[in-house]
């Protein structure tokens, strides 16, 4: 299986640089349903997953 590029995603960087930008908001919306993002999150250790959930305000 191909490795996820979620950790280096250009749209994720747009969100990190400016969460109010159109591409940043699009990326954040997309994380709610993207199967790749969900699989990426599941592949992370629990402590890293918790950090990302807090950073991006993700609820389960």
PDB file of N, CA and C in Angstrom:
ATOM      1  N   UNK A   1       0.831  -1.172   0.000  1.00  0.00           N
ATOM      2  CA  UNK A   1       0.000   0.000   0.000  1.00  0.00           C
ATOM      3  C   UNK A   1       0.882   1.244   0.000  1.00  0.00           C
ATOM      4  N   UNK A   2       0.473   2.262  -0.720  1.00  0.00           N
ATOM      5  CA  UNK A   2       1.231   3.511  -0.795  1.00  0.00           C
ATOM      6  C   UNK A   2       1.164   4.243   0.540  1.00  0.00           C
ATOM      7  N   UNK A   3       2.261   4.932   0.844  1.00  0.00           N
ATOM      8  CA  UNK A   3       2.318   5.686   2.094  1.00  0.00           C
ATOM      9  C   UNK A   3       1.580   7.015   1.950  1.00  0.00           C
ATOM     10  N   UNK A   4       0.937   7.431   3.005  1.00  0.00           N
ATOM     11  CA  UNK A   4       0.178   8.681   3.011  1.00  0.00           C
ATOM     12  C   UNK A   4       1.111   9.883   2.932  1.00  0.00           C
ATOM     13  N   UNK A   5       0.664  10.918   2.229  1.00  0.00           N
ATOM     14  CA  UNK A   5       1.444  12.146   2.192  1.00  0.00           C
ATOM     15  C   UNK A   5       0.790  13.237   3.048  1.00  0.00           C
ATOM     16  N   UNK A   6      -0.078  12.840   3.967  1.00  0.00           N
ATOM     17  CA  UNK A   6      -0.792  13.798   4.814  1.00  0.00           C
ATOM     18  C   UNK A   6       0.163  14.644   5.653  1.00  0.00           C
ATOM     19  N   UNK A   7       1.276  14.085   6.051  1.00  0.00           N
ATOM     20  CA  UNK A   7       2.209  14.844   6.887  1.00  0.00           C
ATOM     21  C   UNK A   7       2.904  15.954   6.113  1.00  0.00           C
ATOM     22  N   UNK A   8       2.951  15.852   4.782  1.00  0.00           N
ATOM     23  CA  UNK A   8       3.610  16.881   3.972  1.00  0.00           C
ATOM     24  C   UNK A   8       2.654  17.554   2.997  1.00  0.00           C
ATOM     25  N   UNK A   9       1.364  17.437   3.244  1.00  0.00           N
ATOM     26  CA  UNK A   9       0.346  17.974   2.342  1.00  0.00           C
ATOM     27  C   UNK A   9       0.470  19.493   2.201  1.00  0.00           C
ATOM     28  N   UNK A  10       0.450  19.982   0.970  1.00  0.00           N
ATOM     29  CA  UNK A  10       0.548  21.429   0.724  1.00  0.00           C
ATOM     30  C   UNK A  10      -0.676  22.166   1.254  1.00  0.00           C
ATOM     31  N   UNK A  11      -1.847  21.535   1.166  1.00  0.00           N
ATOM     32  CA  UNK A  11      -3.054  22.179   1.674  1.00  0.00           C
ATOM     33  C   UNK A  11      -3.038  22.256   3.198  1.00  0.00           C
ATOM     34  N   UNK A  12      -2.475  21.242   3.826  1.00  0.00           N
ATOM     35  CA  UNK A  12      -2.332  21.274   5.288  1.00  0.00           C
ATOM     36  C   UNK A  12      -1.411  22.420   5.686  1.00  0.00           C
ATOM     37  N   UNK A  13      -0.356  22.626   4.928  1.00  0.00           N
ATOM     38  CA  UNK A  13       0.553  23.750   5.203  1.00  0.00           C
ATOM     39  C   UNK A  13      -0.171  25.075   5.041  1.00  0.00           C
ATOM     40  N   UNK A  14      -1.056  25.168   4.048  1.00  0.00           N
ATOM     41  CA  UNK A  14      -1.849  26.391   3.872  1.00  0.00           C
ATOM     42  C   UNK A  14      -2.673  26.660   5.126  1.00  0.00           C
ATOM     43  N   UNK A  15      -3.258  25.605   5.687  1.00  0.00           N
ATOM     44  CA  UNK A  15      -4.031  25.767   6.914  1.00  0.00           C
ATOM     45  C   UNK A  15      -3.127  26.205   8.058  1.00  0.00           C
ATOM     46  N   UNK A  16      -1.968  25.567   8.182  1.00  0.00           N
ATOM     47  CA  UNK A  16      -1.048  25.920   9.254  1.00  0.00           C
ATOM     48  C   UNK A  16      -0.589  27.377   9.136  1.00  0.00           C
ATOM     49  N   UNK A  17      -0.354  27.838   7.919  1.00  0.00           N
ATOM     50  CA  UNK A  17       0.098  29.215   7.699  1.00  0.00           C
ATOM     51  C   UNK A  17      -1.017  30.229   7.911  1.00  0.00           C
ATOM     52  N   UNK A  18      -2.229  29.886   7.470  1.00  0.00           N
ATOM     53  CA  UNK A  18      -3.354  30.808   7.561  1.00  0.00           C
ATOM     54  C   UNK A  18      -4.662  30.015   7.567  1.00  0.00           C
ATOM     55  N   UNK A  19      -5.156  29.666   8.758  1.00  0.00           N
ATOM     56  CA  UNK A  19      -6.374  28.855   8.836  1.00  0.00           C
ATOM     57  C   UNK A  19      -7.591  29.498   8.182  1.00  0.00           C
ATOM     58  N   UNK A  20      -7.603  30.804   8.033  1.00  0.00           N
ATOM     59  CA  UNK A  20      -8.754  31.484   7.445  1.00  0.00           C
ATOM     60  C   UNK A  20      -8.703  31.524   5.920  1.00  0.00           C
ATOM     61  N   UNK A  21      -7.606  31.076   5.322  1.00  0.00           N
ATOM     62  CA  UNK A  21      -7.505  31.100   3.863  1.00  0.00           C
ATOM     63  C   UNK A  21      -8.471  30.091   3.250  1.00  0.00           C
ATOM     64  N   UNK A  22      -8.837  30.325   2.010  1.00  0.00           N
ATOM     65  CA  UNK A  22      -9.771  29.430   1.335  1.00  0.00           C
ATOM     66  C   UNK A  22      -9.234  28.004   1.276  1.00  0.00           C
ATOM     67  N   UNK A  23      -7.989  27.842   0.859  1.00  0.00           N
ATOM     68  CA  UNK A  23      -7.423  26.488   0.775  1.00  0.00           C
ATOM     69  C   UNK A  23      -7.258  25.861   2.153  1.00  0.00           C
ATOM     70  N   UNK A  24      -6.932  26.677   3.137  1.00  0.00           N
ATOM     71  CA  UNK A  24      -6.816  26.173   4.502  1.00  0.00           C
ATOM     72  C   UNK A  24      -8.149  25.662   5.024  1.00  0.00           C
ATOM     73  N   UNK A  25      -9.203  26.447   4.802  1.00  0.00           N
ATOM     74  CA  UNK A  25     -10.539  26.033   5.242  1.00  0.00           C
ATOM     75  C   UNK A  25     -11.007  24.812   4.466  1.00  0.00           C
ATOM     76  N   UNK A  26     -10.675  24.727   3.190  1.00  0.00           N
ATOM     77  CA  UNK A  26     -11.039  23.567   2.377  1.00  0.00           C
ATOM     78  C   UNK A  26     -10.348  22.309   2.915  1.00  0.00           C
ATOM     79  N   UNK A  27      -9.072  22.437   3.264  1.00  0.00           N
ATOM     80  CA  UNK A  27      -8.345  21.288   3.813  1.00  0.00           C
ATOM     81  C   UNK A  27      -8.991  20.834   5.124  1.00  0.00           C
ATOM     82  N   UNK A  28      -9.301  21.786   5.989  1.00  0.00           N
ATOM     83  CA  UNK A  28      -9.879  21.444   7.295  1.00  0.00           C
ATOM     84  C   UNK A  28     -11.238  20.761   7.119  1.00  0.00           C
ATOM     85  N   UNK A  29     -12.064  21.251   6.216  1.00  0.00           N
ATOM     86  CA  UNK A  29     -13.364  20.639   5.936  1.00  0.00           C
ATOM     87  C   UNK A  29     -13.167  19.215   5.419  1.00  0.00           C
ATOM     88  N   UNK A  30     -12.189  19.063   4.552  1.00  0.00           N
ATOM     89  CA  UNK A  30     -11.910  17.780   3.912  1.00  0.00           C
ATOM     90  C   UNK A  30     -11.485  16.719   4.923  1.00  0.00           C
ATOM     91  N   UNK A  31     -10.857  17.117   6.027  1.00  0.00           N
ATOM     92  CA  UNK A  31     -10.420  16.133   7.021  1.00  0.00           C
ATOM     93  C   UNK A  31     -11.585  15.436   7.710  1.00  0.00           C
ATOM     94  N   UNK A  32     -12.772  16.010   7.630  1.00  0.00           N
ATOM     95  CA  UNK A  32     -13.946  15.396   8.267  1.00  0.00           C
ATOM     96  C   UNK A  32     -14.391  14.111   7.584  1.00  0.00           C
ATOM     97  N   UNK A  33     -14.108  13.958   6.311  1.00  0.00           N
ATOM     98  CA  UNK A  33     -14.594  12.775   5.598  1.00  0.00           C
ATOM     99  C   UNK A  33     -13.517  12.016   4.827  1.00  0.00           C
ATOM    100  N   UNK A  34     -12.322  12.559   4.726  1.00  0.00           N
ATOM    101  CA  UNK A  34     -11.264  11.941   3.916  1.00  0.00           C
ATOM    102  C   UNK A  34     -10.804  10.606   4.507  1.00  0.00           C
ATOM    103  N   UNK A  35     -10.958   9.507   3.766  1.00  0.00           N
ATOM    104  CA  UNK A  35     -10.515   8.214   4.284  1.00  0.00           C
ATOM    105  C   UNK A  35      -8.991   8.143   4.449  1.00  0.00           C
ATOM    106  N   UNK A  36      -8.252   8.854   3.596  1.00  0.00           N
ATOM    107  CA  UNK A  36      -6.790   8.875   3.722  1.00  0.00           C
ATOM    108  C   UNK A  36      -6.352   9.546   5.013  1.00  0.00           C
ATOM    109  N   UNK A  37      -6.995  10.653   5.369  1.00  0.00           N
ATOM    110  CA  UNK A  37      -6.663  11.370   6.607  1.00  0.00           C
ATOM    111  C   UNK A  37      -7.004  10.492   7.813  1.00  0.00           C
ATOM    112  N   UNK A  38      -8.142   9.833   7.763  1.00  0.00           N
ATOM    113  CA  UNK A  38      -8.547   8.974   8.876  1.00  0.00           C
ATOM    114  C   UNK A  38      -7.557   7.816   9.051  1.00  0.00           C
ATOM    115  N   UNK A  39      -7.118   7.253   7.946  1.00  0.00           N
ATOM    116  CA  UNK A  39      -6.141   6.159   8.013  1.00  0.00           C
ATOM    117  C   UNK A  39      -4.790   6.684   8.529  1.00  0.00           C
ATOM    118  N   UNK A  40      -4.405   7.874   8.073  1.00  0.00           N
ATOM    119  CA  UNK A  40      -3.169   8.498   8.545  1.00  0.00           C
ATOM    120  C   UNK A  40      -3.228   8.706  10.058  1.00  0.00           C
ATOM    121  N   UNK A  41      -4.348   9.230  10.538  1.00  0.00           N
ATOM    122  CA  UNK A  41      -4.496   9.472  11.975  1.00  0.00           C
ATOM    123  C   UNK A  41      -4.412   8.165  12.760  1.00  0.00           C
ATOM    124  N   UNK A  42      -5.007   7.105  12.244  1.00  0.00           N
ATOM    125  CA  UNK A  42      -4.964   5.810  12.917  1.00  0.00           C
ATOM    126  C   UNK A  42      -3.555   5.220  12.946  1.00  0.00           C
ATOM    127  N   UNK A  43      -2.724   5.615  11.975  1.00  0.00           N
ATOM    128  CA  UNK A  43      -1.368   5.071  11.911  1.00  0.00           C
ATOM    129  C   UNK A  43      -0.421   5.748  12.906  1.00  0.00           C
ATOM    130  N   UNK A  44      -0.839   6.869  13.467  1.00  0.00           N
ATOM    131  CA  UNK A  44       0.011   7.613  14.400  1.00  0.00           C
ATOM    132  C   UNK A  44      -0.091   7.043  15.807  1.00  0.00           C
ATOM    133  N   UNK A  45       0.985   7.208  16.580  1.00  0.00           N
ATOM    134  CA  UNK A  45       0.894   6.838  17.999  1.00  0.00           C
ATOM    135  C   UNK A  45      -0.139   7.723  18.705  1.00  0.00           C
ATOM    136  N   UNK A  46      -0.704   7.228  19.770  1.00  0.00           N
ATOM    137  CA  UNK A  46      -1.783   7.927  20.478  1.00  0.00           C
ATOM    138  C   UNK A  46      -1.408   9.354  20.884  1.00  0.00           C
ATOM    139  N   UNK A  47      -0.181   9.557  21.361  1.00  0.00           N
ATOM    140  CA  UNK A  47       0.203  10.904  21.796  1.00  0.00           C
ATOM    141  C   UNK A  47       0.249  11.890  20.623  1.00  0.00           C
ATOM    142  N   UNK A  48       0.743  11.473  19.469  1.00  0.00           N
ATOM    143  CA  UNK A  48       0.762  12.346  18.292  1.00  0.00           C
ATOM    144  C   UNK A  48      -0.647  12.607  17.779  1.00  0.00           C
ATOM    145  N   UNK A  49      -1.488  11.588  17.820  1.00  0.00           N
ATOM    146  CA  UNK A  49      -2.884  11.732  17.399  1.00  0.00           C
ATOM    147  C   UNK A  49      -3.593  12.771  18.271  1.00  0.00           C
ATOM    148  N   UNK A  50      -3.346  12.707  19.564  1.00  0.00           N
ATOM    149  CA  UNK A  50      -3.966  13.653  20.495  1.00  0.00           C
ATOM    150  C   UNK A  50      -3.514  15.082  20.197  1.00  0.00           C
ATOM    151  N   UNK A  51      -2.233  15.260  19.920  1.00  0.00           N
ATOM    152  CA  UNK A  51      -1.692  16.584  19.596  1.00  0.00           C
ATOM    153  C   UNK A  51      -2.362  17.144  18.343  1.00  0.00           C
ATOM    154  N   UNK A  52      -2.482  16.318  17.297  1.00  0.00           N
ATOM    155  CA  UNK A  52      -3.111  16.783  16.065  1.00  0.00           C
ATOM    156  C   UNK A  52      -4.595  17.083  16.259  1.00  0.00           C
ATOM    157  N   UNK A  53      -5.277  16.269  17.052  1.00  0.00           N
ATOM    158  CA  UNK A  53      -6.697  16.530  17.310  1.00  0.00           C
ATOM    159  C   UNK A  53      -6.893  17.865  18.010  1.00  0.00           C
ATOM    160  N   UNK A  54      -6.014  18.175  18.938  1.00  0.00           N
ATOM    161  CA  UNK A  54      -6.103  19.465  19.630  1.00  0.00           C
ATOM    162  C   UNK A  54      -5.739  20.609  18.689  1.00  0.00           C
ATOM    163  N   UNK A  55      -4.692  20.433  17.919  1.00  0.00           N
ATOM    164  CA  UNK A  55      -4.219  21.482  17.019  1.00  0.00           C
ATOM    165  C   UNK A  55      -5.276  21.847  15.959  1.00  0.00           C
ATOM    166  N   UNK A  56      -5.923  20.828  15.416  1.00  0.00           N
ATOM    167  CA  UNK A  56      -6.884  21.056  14.328  1.00  0.00           C
ATOM    168  C   UNK A  56      -8.338  21.007  14.800  1.00  0.00           C
ATOM    169  N   UNK A  57      -8.530  20.924  16.120  1.00  0.00           N
ATOM    170  CA  UNK A  57      -9.875  20.921  16.720  1.00  0.00           C
ATOM    171  C   UNK A  57     -10.759  19.833  16.111  1.00  0.00           C
ATOM    172  N   UNK A  58     -10.209  18.632  16.067  1.00  0.00           N
ATOM    173  CA  UNK A  58     -10.920  17.479  15.513  1.00  0.00           C
ATOM    174  C   UNK A  58     -11.623  16.738  16.635  1.00  0.00           C
ATOM    175  N   UNK A  59     -12.898  16.476  16.436  1.00  0.00           N
ATOM    176  CA  UNK A  59     -13.652  15.685  17.392  1.00  0.00           C
ATOM    177  C   UNK A  59     -14.035  14.370  16.728  1.00  0.00           C
ATOM    178  N   UNK A  60     -14.145  13.351  17.520  1.00  0.00           N
ATOM    179  CA  UNK A  60     -14.504  12.026  16.970  1.00  0.00           C
ATOM    180  C   UNK A  60     -15.977  11.851  16.915  1.00  0.00           C
TER     181      UNK A  60
END
